[in-house]
Amino acid sequence: MKQRPEFPPSPDETNALRADIYRLLAGLLREAPAADMLDWLASLEADPADGDLARHWATLAAAAGTATPDALGRAYFRHLVGVIEGEVIPYASWYRNGALMDEALLTLRRDLRVLGLERSAHTRDPEDHMAALLEVMALLIDERAPDEARFFMRHLAPWASRCFADLGVVDTPFYAGLGHLGRAFIDMEHERLAAKVERDPVERDPVRLIDPDTAATAPAVTPAPFHGH
């Protein structure tokens, strides 16, 4: 992101960057950033050749440069947690079914179990929290898993852009910037991975993901961040 290489990046370099962005977005949705993270974000230099994505990186970097961990801790709670609920509710079930702990979560749990992933015991968030799904994408990219595109299209494409768009209108510049950046990245990934699903029959109909209409109810899984068995 700081400097464009003289030659186009290799597929491995591109995928490593994609995984890093998924992890960064996940981390910023998981908890408020500490001082060292704000310093790092403020130091980022976006390449104008990257278009809208670069503009959103620059906006987030500028907001990080003027924010403090204490202020963002309060803003994080107000926007994404709340006493009962935050201004934005970053769960797939909420966006897809209109209620928490609904069908989208059950379907996700079935697919995660087949993928050999379970959430850590260190978190109480259900697996359909946006941060958890972004962490899964980073893992699938790292592992060059054949299910990467299919997982995105099933579990992020239907709602993630809308969730980030909602975050983009909150009144804290840092979190609004995160919302705009997240939406731009998800939209870019949607275009990339939808094309991959269309041209790759393995991605289009993978054996390892379960059809929620025909699957039995999944057994309970251990509470996300995710790890393999």
C-alpha atoms as a PDB file:
ATOM      1  CA  MET A   1       0.000   0.000   0.000  1.00  0.00           C
ATOM      2  CA  LYS A   2       2.873   2.405   0.625  1.00  0.00           C
ATOM      3  CA  GLN A   3       4.678   1.810  -2.607  1.00  0.00           C
ATOM      4  CA  ARG A   4       3.609   0.206  -5.831  1.00  0.00           C
ATOM      5  CA  PRO A   5       6.212  -2.333  -7.035  1.00  0.00           C
ATOM      6  CA  GLU A   6       7.846  -1.841 -10.393  1.00  0.00           C
ATOM      7  CA  PHE A   7       6.186  -5.052 -11.603  1.00  0.00           C
ATOM      8  CA  PRO A   8       2.655  -6.258 -10.819  1.00  0.00           C
ATOM      9  CA  PRO A   9       2.493  -8.254  -7.569  1.00  0.00           C
ATOM     10  CA  SER A  10       2.453 -12.025  -7.839  1.00  0.00           C
ATOM     11  CA  PRO A  11      -0.730 -13.938  -6.960  1.00  0.00           C
ATOM     12  CA  ASP A  12       0.881 -14.977  -3.674  1.00  0.00           C
ATOM     13  CA  GLU A  13       1.674 -11.351  -2.804  1.00  0.00           C
ATOM     14  CA  THR A  14      -1.835 -10.251  -3.725  1.00  0.00           C
ATOM     15  CA  ASN A  15      -3.391 -12.975  -1.601  1.00  0.00           C
ATOM     16  CA  ALA A  16      -1.119 -12.193   1.344  1.00  0.00           C
ATOM     17  CA  LEU A  17      -2.228  -8.559   1.171  1.00  0.00           C
ATOM     18  CA  ARG A  18      -5.884  -9.590   0.942  1.00  0.00           C
ATOM     19  CA  ALA A  19      -5.529 -11.797   4.014  1.00  0.00           C
ATOM     20  CA  ASP A  20      -3.821  -8.964   5.909  1.00  0.00           C
ATOM     21  CA  ILE A  21      -6.659  -6.569   5.081  1.00  0.00           C
ATOM     22  CA  TYR A  22      -9.263  -9.094   6.206  1.00  0.00           C
ATOM     23  CA  ARG A  23      -7.377  -9.482   9.492  1.00  0.00           C
ATOM     24  CA  LEU A  24      -7.017  -5.740   9.977  1.00  0.00           C
ATOM     25  CA  LEU A  25     -10.713  -5.108   9.401  1.00  0.00           C
ATOM     26  CA  ALA A  26     -11.557  -7.999  11.720  1.00  0.00           C
ATOM     27  CA  GLY A  27      -9.314  -6.650  14.461  1.00  0.00           C
ATOM     28  CA  LEU A  28     -10.800  -3.164  14.261  1.00  0.00           C
ATOM     29  CA  LEU A  29     -14.319  -4.604  14.459  1.00  0.00           C
ATOM     30  CA  ARG A  30     -13.375  -6.941  17.296  1.00  0.00           C
ATOM     31  CA  GLU A  31     -12.156  -4.223  19.678  1.00  0.00           C
ATOM     32  CA  ALA A  32     -11.126  -0.574  19.834  1.00  0.00           C
ATOM     33  CA  PRO A  33      -7.560   0.040  18.595  1.00  0.00           C
ATOM     34  CA  ALA A  34      -4.677   0.524  21.004  1.00  0.00           C
ATOM     35  CA  ALA A  35      -2.199   3.388  20.681  1.00  0.00           C
ATOM     36  CA  ASP A  36       0.325   1.378  18.661  1.00  0.00           C
ATOM     37  CA  MET A  37      -2.339   0.386  16.141  1.00  0.00           C
ATOM     38  CA  LEU A  38      -3.427   4.011  15.771  1.00  0.00           C
ATOM     39  CA  ASP A  39       0.192   5.060  15.225  1.00  0.00           C
ATOM     40  CA  TRP A  40       0.619   2.392  12.557  1.00  0.00           C
ATOM     41  CA  LEU A  41      -2.601   3.330  10.783  1.00  0.00           C
ATOM     42  CA  ALA A  42      -1.687   7.020  10.871  1.00  0.00           C
ATOM     43  CA  SER A  43       1.624   6.221   9.155  1.00  0.00           C
ATOM     44  CA  LEU A  44       0.009   4.530   6.149  1.00  0.00           C
ATOM     45  CA  GLU A  45       0.522   6.153   2.771  1.00  0.00           C
ATOM     46  CA  ALA A  46      -2.043   5.184   0.162  1.00  0.00           C
ATOM     47  CA  ASP A  47      -1.115   4.941  -3.509  1.00  0.00           C
ATOM     48  CA  PRO A  48      -3.420   7.240  -5.527  1.00  0.00           C
ATOM     49  CA  ALA A  49      -3.319   4.686  -8.343  1.00  0.00           C
ATOM     50  CA  ASP A  50      -5.492   2.440  -6.163  1.00  0.00           C
ATOM     51  CA  GLY A  51      -8.474   4.753  -6.710  1.00  0.00           C
ATOM     52  CA  ASP A  52     -11.366   4.772  -4.250  1.00  0.00           C
ATOM     53  CA  LEU A  53      -9.719   2.217  -1.985  1.00  0.00           C
ATOM     54  CA  ALA A  54      -6.682   4.489  -1.623  1.00  0.00           C
ATOM     55  CA  ARG A  55      -8.928   7.429  -0.768  1.00  0.00           C
ATOM     56  CA  HIS A  56     -10.576   5.434   2.002  1.00  0.00           C
ATOM     57  CA  TRP A  57      -7.205   4.269   3.359  1.00  0.00           C
ATOM     58  CA  ALA A  58      -6.089   7.913   3.458  1.00  0.00           C
ATOM     59  CA  THR A  59      -9.262   8.956   5.274  1.00  0.00           C
ATOM     60  CA  LEU A  60      -8.827   6.229   7.883  1.00  0.00           C
ATOM     61  CA  ALA A  61      -5.148   7.134   8.331  1.00  0.00           C
ATOM     62  CA  ALA A  62      -6.027  10.796   8.878  1.00  0.00           C
ATOM     63  CA  ALA A  63      -8.694   9.882  11.427  1.00  0.00           C
ATOM     64  CA  ALA A  64      -6.270   7.577  13.247  1.00  0.00           C
ATOM     65  CA  GLY A  65      -3.793  10.437  13.503  1.00  0.00           C
ATOM     66  CA  THR A  66      -6.212  12.591  15.492  1.00  0.00           C
ATOM     67  CA  ALA A  67      -7.937   9.902  17.577  1.00  0.00           C
ATOM     68  CA  THR A  68      -7.080   8.627  21.041  1.00  0.00           C
ATOM     69  CA  PRO A  69      -7.545   5.099  22.392  1.00  0.00           C
ATOM     70  CA  ASP A  70      -9.848   6.302  25.176  1.00  0.00           C
ATOM     71  CA  ALA A  71     -12.128   8.217  22.822  1.00  0.00           C
ATOM     72  CA  LEU A  72     -12.291   5.313  20.387  1.00  0.00           C
ATOM     73  CA  GLY A  73     -12.995   2.894  23.206  1.00  0.00           C
ATOM     74  CA  ARG A  74     -16.101   4.891  24.078  1.00  0.00           C
ATOM     75  CA  ALA A  75     -17.058   5.271  20.419  1.00  0.00           C
ATOM     76  CA  TYR A  76     -16.577   1.547  19.788  1.00  0.00           C
ATOM     77  CA  PHE A  77     -18.946   0.694  22.615  1.00  0.00           C
ATOM     78  CA  ARG A  78     -21.572   3.164  21.428  1.00  0.00           C
ATOM     79  CA  HIS A  79     -21.414   2.234  17.757  1.00  0.00           C
ATOM     80  CA  LEU A  80     -20.841  -1.526  17.860  1.00  0.00           C
ATOM     81  CA  VAL A  81     -21.795  -2.859  21.300  1.00  0.00           C
ATOM     82  CA  GLY A  82     -24.158  -0.659  23.291  1.00  0.00           C
ATOM     83  CA  VAL A  83     -25.887  -1.315  26.594  1.00  0.00           C
ATOM     84  CA  ILE A  84     -28.485  -3.418  24.789  1.00  0.00           C
ATOM     85  CA  GLU A  85     -27.262  -3.069  21.212  1.00  0.00           C
ATOM     86  CA  GLY A  86     -25.007  -0.709  19.294  1.00  0.00           C
ATOM     87  CA  GLU A  87     -25.941   1.670  16.520  1.00  0.00           C
ATOM     88  CA  VAL A  88     -24.634  -0.974  14.121  1.00  0.00           C
ATOM     89  CA  ILE A  89     -25.263  -4.650  14.870  1.00  0.00           C
ATOM     90  CA  PRO A  90     -22.492  -6.514  12.998  1.00  0.00           C
ATOM     91  CA  TYR A  91     -24.043  -9.975  12.842  1.00  0.00           C
ATOM     92  CA  ALA A  92     -25.103 -11.901   9.759  1.00  0.00           C
ATOM     93  CA  SER A  93     -28.338 -13.071  11.393  1.00  0.00           C
ATOM     94  CA  TRP A  94     -29.387  -9.491  12.116  1.00  0.00           C
ATOM     95  CA  TYR A  95     -28.895  -8.360   8.531  1.00  0.00           C
ATOM     96  CA  ARG A  96     -30.130 -11.506   6.833  1.00  0.00           C
ATOM     97  CA  ASN A  97     -32.928 -12.659   9.158  1.00  0.00           C
ATOM     98  CA  GLY A  98     -33.825  -9.579  11.189  1.00  0.00           C
ATOM     99  CA  ALA A  99     -32.949 -11.197  14.522  1.00  0.00           C
ATOM    100  CA  LEU A 100     -29.848 -12.391  16.331  1.00  0.00           C
ATOM    101  CA  MET A 101     -28.976 -16.093  16.612  1.00  0.00           C
ATOM    102  CA  ASP A 102     -31.164 -16.964  13.630  1.00  0.00           C
ATOM    103  CA  GLU A 103     -30.879 -19.153  10.514  1.00  0.00           C
ATOM    104  CA  ALA A 104     -27.775 -17.429   9.116  1.00  0.00           C
ATOM    105  CA  LEU A 105     -25.853 -18.437  12.247  1.00  0.00           C
ATOM    106  CA  LEU A 106     -27.070 -22.040  12.100  1.00  0.00           C
ATOM    107  CA  THR A 107     -26.078 -22.335   8.438  1.00  0.00           C
ATOM    108  CA  LEU A 108     -22.684 -20.805   9.169  1.00  0.00           C
ATOM    109  CA  ARG A 109     -22.033 -23.222  12.016  1.00  0.00           C
ATOM    110  CA  ARG A 110     -22.715 -26.179   9.740  1.00  0.00           C
ATOM    111  CA  ASP A 111     -20.271 -24.910   7.143  1.00  0.00           C
ATOM    112  CA  LEU A 112     -17.588 -24.067   9.702  1.00  0.00           C
ATOM    113  CA  ARG A 113     -17.796 -27.544  11.181  1.00  0.00           C
ATOM    114  CA  VAL A 114     -17.310 -29.115   7.765  1.00  0.00           C
ATOM    115  CA  LEU A 115     -14.348 -26.803   7.150  1.00  0.00           C
ATOM    116  CA  GLY A 116     -12.787 -28.006  10.406  1.00  0.00           C
ATOM    117  CA  LEU A 117     -12.999 -24.594  12.088  1.00  0.00           C
ATOM    118  CA  GLU A 118     -14.248 -23.745  15.542  1.00  0.00           C
ATOM    119  CA  ARG A 119     -14.276 -20.559  17.533  1.00  0.00           C
ATOM    120  CA  SER A 120     -11.928 -19.961  20.425  1.00  0.00           C
ATOM    121  CA  ALA A 121     -13.156 -20.374  23.972  1.00  0.00           C
ATOM    122  CA  HIS A 122     -11.812 -16.864  24.659  1.00  0.00           C
ATOM    123  CA  THR A 123     -14.739 -15.097  22.996  1.00  0.00           C
ATOM    124  CA  ARG A 124     -18.456 -15.032  23.677  1.00  0.00           C
ATOM    125  CA  ASP A 125     -19.471 -13.535  20.321  1.00  0.00           C
ATOM    126  CA  PRO A 126     -21.526 -15.827  18.081  1.00  0.00           C
ATOM    127  CA  GLU A 127     -19.715 -17.033  14.982  1.00  0.00           C
ATOM    128  CA  ASP A 128     -21.684 -14.759  12.656  1.00  0.00           C
ATOM    129  CA  HIS A 129     -20.065 -11.587  14.027  1.00  0.00           C
ATOM    130  CA  MET A 130     -18.513  -9.729  11.096  1.00  0.00           C
ATOM    131  CA  ALA A 131     -15.054  -9.899  12.666  1.00  0.00           C
ATOM    132  CA  ALA A 132     -15.256 -13.684  12.922  1.00  0.00           C
ATOM    133  CA  LEU A 133     -16.256 -14.085   9.274  1.00  0.00           C
ATOM    134  CA  LEU A 134     -13.410 -11.824   8.158  1.00  0.00           C
ATOM    135  CA  GLU A 135     -11.006 -13.930  10.228  1.00  0.00           C
ATOM    136  CA  VAL A 136     -12.274 -17.069   8.502  1.00  0.00           C
ATOM    137  CA  MET A 137     -11.637 -15.479   5.107  1.00  0.00           C
ATOM    138  CA  ALA A 138      -8.059 -14.680   6.121  1.00  0.00           C
ATOM    139  CA  LEU A 139      -7.544 -18.298   7.195  1.00  0.00           C
ATOM    140  CA  LEU A 140      -8.993 -19.684   3.969  1.00  0.00           C
ATOM    141  CA  ILE A 141      -6.775 -17.401   1.880  1.00  0.00           C
ATOM    142  CA  ASP A 142      -3.686 -18.365   3.886  1.00  0.00           C
ATOM    143  CA  GLU A 143      -4.477 -22.049   3.419  1.00  0.00           C
ATOM    144  CA  ARG A 144      -5.318 -21.615  -0.286  1.00  0.00           C
ATOM    145  CA  ALA A 145      -8.566 -23.366   0.521  1.00  0.00           C
ATOM    146  CA  PRO A 146     -10.763 -24.229  -2.467  1.00  0.00           C
ATOM    147  CA  ASP A 147     -13.798 -23.009  -0.516  1.00  0.00           C
ATOM    148  CA  GLU A 148     -12.637 -19.388  -0.232  1.00  0.00           C
ATOM    149  CA  ALA A 149     -14.898 -17.862  -2.878  1.00  0.00           C
ATOM    150  CA  ARG A 150     -17.898 -20.014  -2.030  1.00  0.00           C
ATOM    151  CA  PHE A 151     -17.627 -19.146   1.668  1.00  0.00           C
ATOM    152  CA  PHE A 152     -17.538 -15.439   0.851  1.00  0.00           C
ATOM    153  CA  MET A 153     -20.533 -15.646  -1.466  1.00  0.00           C
ATOM    154  CA  ARG A 154     -22.569 -17.649   1.045  1.00  0.00           C
ATOM    155  CA  HIS A 155     -21.724 -15.850   4.264  1.00  0.00           C
ATOM    156  CA  LEU A 156     -20.435 -12.327   3.516  1.00  0.00           C
ATOM    157  CA  ALA A 157     -21.735 -11.235   0.117  1.00  0.00           C
ATOM    158  CA  PRO A 158     -25.413 -11.063   1.161  1.00  0.00           C
ATOM    159  CA  TRP A 159     -24.886  -8.493   3.928  1.00  0.00           C
ATOM    160  CA  ALA A 160     -21.331  -7.324   4.676  1.00  0.00           C
ATOM    161  CA  SER A 161     -21.367  -4.323   2.351  1.00  0.00           C
ATOM    162  CA  ARG A 162     -24.627  -3.084   3.921  1.00  0.00           C
ATOM    163  CA  CYS A 163     -23.198  -3.440   7.412  1.00  0.00           C
ATOM    164  CA  PHE A 164     -20.079  -1.463   6.526  1.00  0.00           C
ATOM    165  CA  ALA A 165     -22.267   1.159   4.819  1.00  0.00           C
ATOM    166  CA  ASP A 166     -24.209   1.568   8.067  1.00  0.00           C
ATOM    167  CA  LEU A 167     -20.940   1.989   9.957  1.00  0.00           C
ATOM    168  CA  GLY A 168     -19.924   4.609   7.406  1.00  0.00           C
ATOM    169  CA  VAL A 169     -22.596   7.030   8.637  1.00  0.00           C
ATOM    170  CA  VAL A 170     -21.757   7.036  12.365  1.00  0.00           C
ATOM    171  CA  ASP A 171     -20.548  10.310  13.859  1.00  0.00           C
ATOM    172  CA  THR A 172     -17.010   9.205  14.780  1.00  0.00           C
ATOM    173  CA  PRO A 173     -14.615   9.923  11.883  1.00  0.00           C
ATOM    174  CA  PHE A 174     -12.455   6.870  12.593  1.00  0.00           C
ATOM    175  CA  TYR A 175     -15.342   4.414  12.549  1.00  0.00           C
ATOM    176  CA  ALA A 176     -17.037   6.128   9.624  1.00  0.00           C
ATOM    177  CA  GLY A 177     -13.728   5.817   7.768  1.00  0.00           C
ATOM    178  CA  LEU A 178     -13.529   2.150   8.718  1.00  0.00           C
ATOM    179  CA  GLY A 179     -17.030   1.673   7.342  1.00  0.00           C
ATOM    180  CA  HIS A 180     -16.176   3.279   4.010  1.00  0.00           C
ATOM    181  CA  LEU A 181     -12.930   1.321   3.694  1.00  0.00           C
ATOM    182  CA  GLY A 182     -14.616  -1.948   4.634  1.00  0.00           C
ATOM    183  CA  ARG A 183     -17.410  -1.434   2.130  1.00  0.00           C
ATOM    184  CA  ALA A 184     -14.985  -0.607  -0.688  1.00  0.00           C
ATOM    185  CA  PHE A 185     -12.873  -3.678   0.095  1.00  0.00           C
ATOM    186  CA  ILE A 186     -15.863  -6.018   0.387  1.00  0.00           C
ATOM    187  CA  ASP A 187     -17.292  -4.731  -2.898  1.00  0.00           C
ATOM    188  CA  MET A 188     -13.930  -5.325  -4.576  1.00  0.00           C
ATOM    189  CA  GLU A 189     -13.764  -8.837  -3.124  1.00  0.00           C
ATOM    190  CA  HIS A 190     -17.332  -9.523  -4.226  1.00  0.00           C
ATOM    191  CA  GLU A 191     -16.425  -8.717  -7.810  1.00  0.00           C
ATOM    192  CA  ARG A 192     -13.270 -10.841  -7.642  1.00  0.00           C
ATOM    193  CA  LEU A 193     -14.838 -13.870  -5.978  1.00  0.00           C
ATOM    194  CA  ALA A 194     -18.127 -13.877  -7.871  1.00  0.00           C
ATOM    195  CA  ALA A 195     -16.081 -14.190 -11.056  1.00  0.00           C
ATOM    196  CA  LYS A 196     -14.052 -17.003  -9.485  1.00  0.00           C
ATOM    197  CA  VAL A 197     -17.183 -18.938  -8.552  1.00  0.00           C
ATOM    198  CA  GLU A 198     -18.513 -18.612 -12.089  1.00  0.00           C
ATOM    199  CA  ARG A 199     -15.398 -19.933 -13.790  1.00  0.00           C
ATOM    200  CA  ASP A 200     -14.449 -22.632 -11.273  1.00  0.00           C
ATOM    201  CA  PRO A 201     -16.926 -25.520 -10.877  1.00  0.00           C
ATOM    202  CA  VAL A 202     -15.199 -26.615  -7.675  1.00  0.00           C
ATOM    203  CA  GLU A 203     -15.876 -23.202  -6.168  1.00  0.00           C
ATOM    204  CA  ARG A 204     -19.397 -23.218  -7.556  1.00  0.00           C
ATOM    205  CA  ASP A 205     -20.376 -26.510  -5.924  1.00  0.00           C
ATOM    206  CA  PRO A 206     -17.811 -27.533  -3.302  1.00  0.00           C
ATOM    207  CA  VAL A 207     -18.235 -30.842  -1.547  1.00  0.00           C
ATOM    208  CA  ARG A 208     -17.186 -29.477   1.827  1.00  0.00           C
ATOM    209  CA  LEU A 209     -19.950 -26.912   2.296  1.00  0.00           C
ATOM    210  CA  ILE A 210     -23.393 -28.020   3.375  1.00  0.00           C
ATOM    211  CA  ASP A 211     -26.713 -27.098   1.811  1.00  0.00           C
ATOM    212  CA  PRO A 212     -28.703 -25.591   4.706  1.00  0.00           C
ATOM    213  CA  ASP A 213     -31.962 -26.832   3.218  1.00  0.00           C
ATOM    214  CA  THR A 214     -30.957 -30.481   3.433  1.00  0.00           C
ATOM    215  CA  ALA A 215     -28.511 -30.606   6.333  1.00  0.00           C
ATOM    216  CA  ALA A 216     -29.425 -31.875   9.756  1.00  0.00           C
ATOM    217  CA  THR A 217     -29.108 -29.499  12.662  1.00  0.00           C
ATOM    218  CA  ALA A 218     -25.439 -29.139  13.466  1.00  0.00           C
ATOM    219  CA  PRO A 219     -24.105 -30.212  16.837  1.00  0.00           C
ATOM    220  CA  ALA A 220     -22.959 -27.381  19.075  1.00  0.00           C
ATOM    221  CA  VAL A 221     -19.490 -26.012  18.409  1.00  0.00           C
ATOM    222  CA  THR A 222     -17.117 -24.587  20.924  1.00  0.00           C
ATOM    223  CA  PRO A 223     -17.403 -20.817  21.257  1.00  0.00           C
ATOM    224  CA  ALA A 224     -14.722 -16.678  17.275  1.00  0.00           C
ATOM    225  CA  PRO A 225     -11.366 -16.000  16.615  1.00  0.00           C
ATOM    226  CA  PHE A 226     -11.253 -19.208  14.634  1.00  0.00           C
ATOM    227  CA  HIS A 227      -8.718 -21.979  14.489  1.00  0.00           C
ATOM    228  CA  GLY A 228      -8.512 -25.372  12.854  1.00  0.00           C
ATOM    229  CA  HIS A 229      -8.840 -28.637  14.650  1.00  0.00           C
END
